[in-house]
N, C-alpha and C. Protein backbone atom coordinates (compact mmCIF):
# COMPACT_ATOMS: atom_id res chain seq x y z
N MET A 1 18.82 -10.89 0.38
CA MET A 1 17.86 -11.81 1.03
C MET A 1 17.55 -11.30 2.44
N GLY A 2 17.64 -9.98 2.60
CA GLY A 2 17.39 -9.41 3.94
C GLY A 2 16.14 -8.54 3.91
N CYS A 3 15.62 -8.32 2.71
CA CYS A 3 14.42 -7.45 2.60
C CYS A 3 13.20 -8.18 3.18
N PRO A 4 12.93 -9.40 2.72
CA PRO A 4 11.77 -10.15 3.22
C PRO A 4 11.86 -10.38 4.72
N ASP A 5 13.06 -10.68 5.18
CA ASP A 5 13.26 -10.92 6.61
C ASP A 5 12.89 -9.67 7.40
N ASP A 6 13.37 -8.54 6.91
CA ASP A 6 13.10 -7.26 7.60
C ASP A 6 11.59 -7.03 7.66
N ARG A 7 10.94 -7.30 6.55
CA ARG A 7 9.49 -7.05 6.50
C ARG A 7 8.79 -7.99 7.49
N TRP A 8 9.18 -9.22 7.52
CA TRP A 8 8.56 -10.18 8.44
C TRP A 8 8.75 -9.72 9.88
N TYR A 9 9.97 -9.29 10.15
CA TYR A 9 10.28 -8.84 11.52
C TYR A 9 9.38 -7.66 11.90
N LEU A 10 9.26 -6.72 10.97
CA LEU A 10 8.44 -5.53 11.24
C LEU A 10 6.99 -5.95 11.47
N ARG A 11 6.53 -6.86 10.66
CA ARG A 11 5.12 -7.29 10.77
C ARG A 11 4.93 -8.00 12.11
N HIS A 12 5.85 -8.85 12.47
CA HIS A 12 5.74 -9.58 13.73
C HIS A 12 5.75 -8.59 14.91
N ARG A 13 6.62 -7.58 14.77
CA ARG A 13 6.74 -6.59 15.85
C ARG A 13 5.40 -5.86 16.01
N SER A 14 4.78 -5.55 14.91
CA SER A 14 3.49 -4.82 14.95
C SER A 14 2.48 -5.68 15.71
N LEU A 15 2.48 -6.97 15.41
CA LEU A 15 1.52 -7.87 16.05
C LEU A 15 1.79 -7.93 17.55
N VAL A 16 3.07 -8.03 17.90
CA VAL A 16 3.44 -8.11 19.33
C VAL A 16 2.99 -6.85 20.05
N VAL A 17 3.21 -5.71 19.40
CA VAL A 17 2.82 -4.42 20.03
C VAL A 17 1.31 -4.40 20.23
N ASP A 18 0.58 -4.84 19.22
CA ASP A 18 -0.89 -4.85 19.32
C ASP A 18 -1.32 -5.73 20.50
N LEU A 19 -0.68 -6.88 20.61
CA LEU A 19 -1.03 -7.80 21.69
C LEU A 19 -0.71 -7.18 23.04
N ALA A 20 0.44 -6.52 23.11
CA ALA A 20 0.86 -5.88 24.37
C ALA A 20 -0.16 -4.82 24.78
N ILE A 21 -0.60 -4.03 23.81
CA ILE A 21 -1.59 -2.97 24.11
C ILE A 21 -2.88 -3.61 24.62
N CYS A 22 -3.29 -4.67 23.95
CA CYS A 22 -4.54 -5.34 24.34
C CYS A 22 -4.40 -5.85 25.78
N LEU A 23 -3.25 -6.45 26.07
CA LEU A 23 -3.02 -6.99 27.42
C LEU A 23 -3.05 -5.87 28.44
N LYS A 24 -2.41 -4.77 28.10
CA LYS A 24 -2.35 -3.62 29.04
C LYS A 24 -3.76 -3.10 29.29
N THR A 25 -4.55 -3.03 28.23
CA THR A 25 -5.92 -2.52 28.37
C THR A 25 -6.72 -3.45 29.29
N VAL A 26 -6.56 -4.74 29.09
CA VAL A 26 -7.29 -5.71 29.92
C VAL A 26 -6.83 -5.58 31.37
N SER A 27 -5.53 -5.35 31.55
CA SER A 27 -4.98 -5.23 32.90
C SER A 27 -5.57 -3.99 33.58
N THR A 28 -5.72 -2.93 32.80
CA THR A 28 -6.27 -1.69 33.36
C THR A 28 -7.74 -1.89 33.73
N PHE A 29 -8.44 -2.63 32.89
CA PHE A 29 -9.87 -2.87 33.16
C PHE A 29 -10.05 -4.31 33.65
N PRO A 30 -10.21 -4.49 34.96
CA PRO A 30 -10.37 -5.84 35.52
C PRO A 30 -11.59 -6.55 34.93
N SER A 31 -12.64 -5.79 34.62
CA SER A 31 -13.84 -6.44 34.08
C SER A 31 -13.91 -6.19 32.58
N GLY A 32 -12.79 -6.50 31.90
CA GLY A 32 -12.75 -6.30 30.44
C GLY A 32 -13.01 -7.61 29.72
N SER A 33 -13.76 -8.49 30.36
CA SER A 33 -14.05 -9.79 29.73
C SER A 33 -14.90 -9.58 28.49
N GLY A 34 -15.85 -8.66 28.58
CA GLY A 34 -16.73 -8.41 27.42
C GLY A 34 -16.47 -7.02 26.86
N ALA A 35 -15.21 -6.59 26.93
CA ALA A 35 -14.88 -5.25 26.42
C ALA A 35 -14.98 -5.26 24.90
N ARG A 36 -14.74 -6.44 24.30
CA ARG A 36 -14.77 -6.52 22.84
C ARG A 36 -16.23 -6.52 22.44
């Protein structure tokens, strides 16, 4: 019962990393309000 947990953790980690990158990018670009 540790396989699904591991997968969830990995998926969550991926999301967190993505969010961190997005935040870093926004921090680098002060006028990144309409970067998307």
